C-alpha atoms as a PDB file:
ATOM      1  CA  UNK A   1     101.604 125.247 114.297  1.00  0.00           C
ATOM      2  CA  UNK A   2     101.418 121.504 114.380  1.00  0.00           C
ATOM      3  CA  UNK A   3      99.572 121.442 117.576  1.00  0.00           C
ATOM      4  CA  UNK A   4      96.994 123.890 115.957  1.00  0.00           C
ATOM      5  CA  UNK A   5      96.332 121.330 113.244  1.00  0.00           C
ATOM      6  CA  UNK A   6      96.252 118.537 115.747  1.00  0.00           C
ATOM      7  CA  UNK A   7      93.667 120.241 117.864  1.00  0.00           C
ATOM      8  CA  UNK A   8      91.679 121.267 114.632  1.00  0.00           C
ATOM      9  CA  UNK A   9      91.535 118.048 113.042  1.00  0.00           C
ATOM     10  CA  UNK A  10      90.901 116.160 116.255  1.00  0.00           C
ATOM     11  CA  UNK A  11      87.827 118.634 117.185  1.00  0.00           C
ATOM     12  CA  UNK A  12      86.452 118.003 113.845  1.00  0.00           C
ATOM     13  CA  UNK A  13      86.648 114.357 114.345  1.00  0.00           C
ATOM     14  CA  UNK A  14      85.295 114.563 117.887  1.00  0.00           C
ATOM     15  CA  UNK A  15      82.442 117.038 116.642  1.00  0.00           C
ATOM     16  CA  UNK A  16      81.281 114.200 114.214  1.00  0.00           C
ATOM     17  CA  UNK A  17      81.274 111.569 117.262  1.00  0.00           C
ATOM     18  CA  UNK A  18      83.861 109.415 115.929  1.00  0.00           C
ATOM     19  CA  UNK A  19      86.164 109.824 118.582  1.00  0.00           C
ATOM     20  CA  UNK A  20      88.772 112.811 118.051  1.00  0.00           C
ATOM     21  CA  UNK A  21      90.685 111.592 121.114  1.00  0.00           C
ATOM     22  CA  UNK A  22      91.851 108.492 119.287  1.00  0.00           C
ATOM     23  CA  UNK A  23      93.160 110.799 116.486  1.00  0.00           C
ATOM     24  CA  UNK A  24      94.610 113.227 118.913  1.00  0.00           C
ATOM     25  CA  UNK A  25      96.534 110.500 120.885  1.00  0.00           C
ATOM     26  CA  UNK A  26      97.752 109.111 117.662  1.00  0.00           C
ATOM     27  CA  UNK A  27      99.171 112.519 116.392  1.00  0.00           C
ATOM     28  CA  UNK A  28     100.636 113.363 119.717  1.00  0.00           C
ATOM     29  CA  UNK A  29     102.701 110.110 120.196  1.00  0.00           C
ATOM     30  CA  UNK A  30     103.500 108.995 116.576  1.00  0.00           C
ATOM     31  CA  UNK A  31     103.934 112.643 114.933  1.00  0.00           C
ATOM     32  CA  UNK A  32     104.985 114.787 118.092  1.00  0.00           C
ATOM     33  CA  UNK A  33     106.716 112.071 119.844  1.00  0.00           C
ATOM     34  CA  UNK A  34     105.230 112.557 123.029  1.00  0.00           C
ATOM     35  CA  UNK A  35     104.814 109.825 125.809  1.00  0.00           C
ATOM     36  CA  UNK A  36     101.718 107.670 125.898  1.00  0.00           C
ATOM     37  CA  UNK A  37     100.601 108.769 129.418  1.00  0.00           C
ATOM     38  CA  UNK A  38     101.032 112.311 128.707  1.00  0.00           C
ATOM     39  CA  UNK A  39      99.221 111.962 125.261  1.00  0.00           C
ATOM     40  CA  UNK A  40      96.249 110.277 127.032  1.00  0.00           C
ATOM     41  CA  UNK A  41      96.023 112.653 129.957  1.00  0.00           C
ATOM     42  CA  UNK A  42      96.032 115.507 127.198  1.00  0.00           C
ATOM     43  CA  UNK A  43      93.347 113.868 125.401  1.00  0.00           C
ATOM     44  CA  UNK A  44      91.310 113.986 128.596  1.00  0.00           C
ATOM     45  CA  UNK A  45      91.891 118.070 128.805  1.00  0.00           C
ATOM     46  CA  UNK A  46      90.849 118.365 125.138  1.00  0.00           C
ATOM     47  CA  UNK A  47      87.891 115.969 125.724  1.00  0.00           C
ATOM     48  CA  UNK A  48      86.113 118.445 128.133  1.00  0.00           C
ATOM     49  CA  UNK A  49      85.430 121.403 125.858  1.00  0.00           C
ATOM     50  CA  UNK A  50      84.914 119.271 122.944  1.00  0.00           C
ATOM     51  CA  UNK A  51      82.247 117.330 124.524  1.00  0.00           C
ATOM     52  CA  UNK A  52      80.664 120.155 126.093  1.00  0.00           C
ATOM     53  CA  UNK A  53      80.413 121.879 122.527  1.00  0.00           C
ATOM     54  CA  UNK A  54      79.069 118.581 121.110  1.00  0.00           C
ATOM     55  CA  UNK A  55      76.505 118.145 123.791  1.00  0.00           C
ATOM     56  CA  UNK A  56      75.244 121.721 123.400  1.00  0.00           C
ATOM     57  CA  UNK A  57      74.881 121.623 119.646  1.00  0.00           C
ATOM     58  CA  UNK A  58      73.197 117.851 119.924  1.00  0.00           C
ATOM     59  CA  UNK A  59      70.843 119.200 122.676  1.00  0.00           C
ATOM     60  CA  UNK A  60      69.870 122.156 120.489  1.00  0.00           C
ATOM     61  CA  UNK A  61      69.199 119.935 117.601  1.00  0.00           C
ATOM     62  CA  UNK A  62      67.241 117.247 119.771  1.00  0.00           C
ATOM     63  CA  UNK A  63      69.397 114.575 119.095  1.00  0.00           C
ATOM     64  CA  UNK A  64      70.234 113.656 122.870  1.00  0.00           C
ATOM     65  CA  UNK A  65      68.668 110.914 124.783  1.00  0.00           C
ATOM     66  CA  UNK A  66      69.279 112.513 128.322  1.00  0.00           C
ATOM     67  CA  UNK A  67      68.093 109.776 130.494  1.00  0.00           C
ATOM     68  CA  UNK A  68      70.216 106.989 128.822  1.00  0.00           C
ATOM     69  CA  UNK A  69      73.164 109.562 128.429  1.00  0.00           C
ATOM     70  CA  UNK A  70      72.916 110.420 132.226  1.00  0.00           C
ATOM     71  CA  UNK A  71      73.320 106.801 133.167  1.00  0.00           C
ATOM     72  CA  UNK A  72      76.113 106.038 130.810  1.00  0.00           C
ATOM     73  CA  UNK A  73      77.901 109.092 132.107  1.00  0.00           C
ATOM     74  CA  UNK A  74      77.916 107.923 135.484  1.00  0.00           C
ATOM     75  CA  UNK A  75      79.012 104.480 134.875  1.00  0.00           C
ATOM     76  CA  UNK A  76      81.556 106.178 132.436  1.00  0.00           C
ATOM     77  CA  UNK A  77      83.028 108.428 135.167  1.00  0.00           C
ATOM     78  CA  UNK A  78      83.524 105.184 137.482  1.00  0.00           C
ATOM     79  CA  UNK A  79      85.206 103.267 134.592  1.00  0.00           C
ATOM     80  CA  UNK A  80      87.382 106.471 133.932  1.00  0.00           C
ATOM     81  CA  UNK A  81      88.444 106.415 137.749  1.00  0.00           C
ATOM     82  CA  UNK A  82      89.327 102.571 137.217  1.00  0.00           C
ATOM     83  CA  UNK A  83      91.085 103.051 134.018  1.00  0.00           C
ATOM     84  CA  UNK A  84      92.977 105.869 135.013  1.00  0.00           C
ATOM     85  CA  UNK A  85      94.530 104.212 137.827  1.00  0.00           C
ATOM     86  CA  UNK A  86      95.336 101.248 135.671  1.00  0.00           C
ATOM     87  CA  UNK A  87      96.869 103.265 133.200  1.00  0.00           C
ATOM     88  CA  UNK A  88      99.064 105.091 135.704  1.00  0.00           C
ATOM     89  CA  UNK A  89     100.332 101.699 136.952  1.00  0.00           C
ATOM     90  CA  UNK A  90     101.039 100.135 133.516  1.00  0.00           C
ATOM     91  CA  UNK A  91     104.318 100.381 131.641  1.00  0.00           C
ATOM     92  CA  UNK A  92     104.491 102.562 128.610  1.00  0.00           C
ATOM     93  CA  UNK A  93     105.055  99.990 126.178  1.00  0.00           C
ATOM     94  CA  UNK A  94     102.111  97.847 127.283  1.00  0.00           C
ATOM     95  CA  UNK A  95     100.058 100.840 127.388  1.00  0.00           C
ATOM     96  CA  UNK A  96     101.184 101.803 123.834  1.00  0.00           C
ATOM     97  CA  UNK A  97     100.566  98.230 122.609  1.00  0.00           C
ATOM     98  CA  UNK A  98      97.015  98.245 124.274  1.00  0.00           C
ATOM     99  CA  UNK A  99      96.120 101.257 122.678  1.00  0.00           C
ATOM    100  CA  UNK A 100      97.315  99.775 119.186  1.00  0.00           C
ATOM    101  CA  UNK A 101      95.372  96.728 119.643  1.00  0.00           C
ATOM    102  CA  UNK A 102      92.234  98.956 120.710  1.00  0.00           C
ATOM    103  CA  UNK A 103      92.816 100.958 117.371  1.00  0.00           C
ATOM    104  CA  UNK A 104      93.071  97.511 115.292  1.00  0.00           C
ATOM    105  CA  UNK A 105      89.809  96.332 117.092  1.00  0.00           C
ATOM    106  CA  UNK A 106      88.041  99.427 116.062  1.00  0.00           C
ATOM    107  CA  UNK A 107      89.162  99.171 112.348  1.00  0.00           C
ATOM    108  CA  UNK A 108      88.078  95.712 112.036  1.00  0.00           C
ATOM    109  CA  UNK A 109      84.694  96.579 113.453  1.00  0.00           C
ATOM    110  CA  UNK A 110      84.261  99.442 111.028  1.00  0.00           C
ATOM    111  CA  UNK A 111      85.397  97.233 108.165  1.00  0.00           C
ATOM    112  CA  UNK A 112      82.909  94.662 109.266  1.00  0.00           C
ATOM    113  CA  UNK A 113      79.933  97.033 109.508  1.00  0.00           C
ATOM    114  CA  UNK A 114      80.692  98.832 106.071  1.00  0.00           C
ATOM    115  CA  UNK A 115      80.619  95.297 104.615  1.00  0.00           C
ATOM    116  CA  UNK A 116      77.625  94.394 106.306  1.00  0.00           C
ATOM    117  CA  UNK A 117      75.876  97.589 105.389  1.00  0.00           C
ATOM    118  CA  UNK A 118      76.755  97.301 101.766  1.00  0.00           C
ATOM    119  CA  UNK A 119      75.270  93.725 101.459  1.00  0.00           C
ATOM    120  CA  UNK A 120      72.048  95.037 103.027  1.00  0.00           C
ATOM    121  CA  UNK A 121      72.014  97.756 100.284  1.00  0.00           C
ATOM    122  CA  UNK A 122      72.922  95.086  97.503  1.00  0.00           C
ATOM    123  CA  UNK A 123      70.021  92.728  98.843  1.00  0.00           C
ATOM    124  CA  UNK A 124      67.452  95.558  98.640  1.00  0.00           C
ATOM    125  CA  UNK A 125      68.145  96.196  95.032  1.00  0.00           C
END
């Protein structure tokens, strides 16, 4: 049952374009106690169907720039190959801490973006 809820929540977040994999890895490691390497590999399996559905919906709604998306995808594949090899050779504790730092940086960026947007709105009023 827990896996069903984790998949559903991650899918919803992924469908909104906010990175459901981040939520999935968090739930698998901290809630389910799965090792970081396994959680990250599981995320990759989850990512394929979730992204295909999101791509289909966004193409149908004409929200996709195929030229830029293709270029980014090609280099993303190269980066994924490099990142997977780096991660496989990393100690689990370092990998977990790196993931935590990544989440903290995303959080700081999001808070900064919210503050910046609120300042824009106040200045327009």
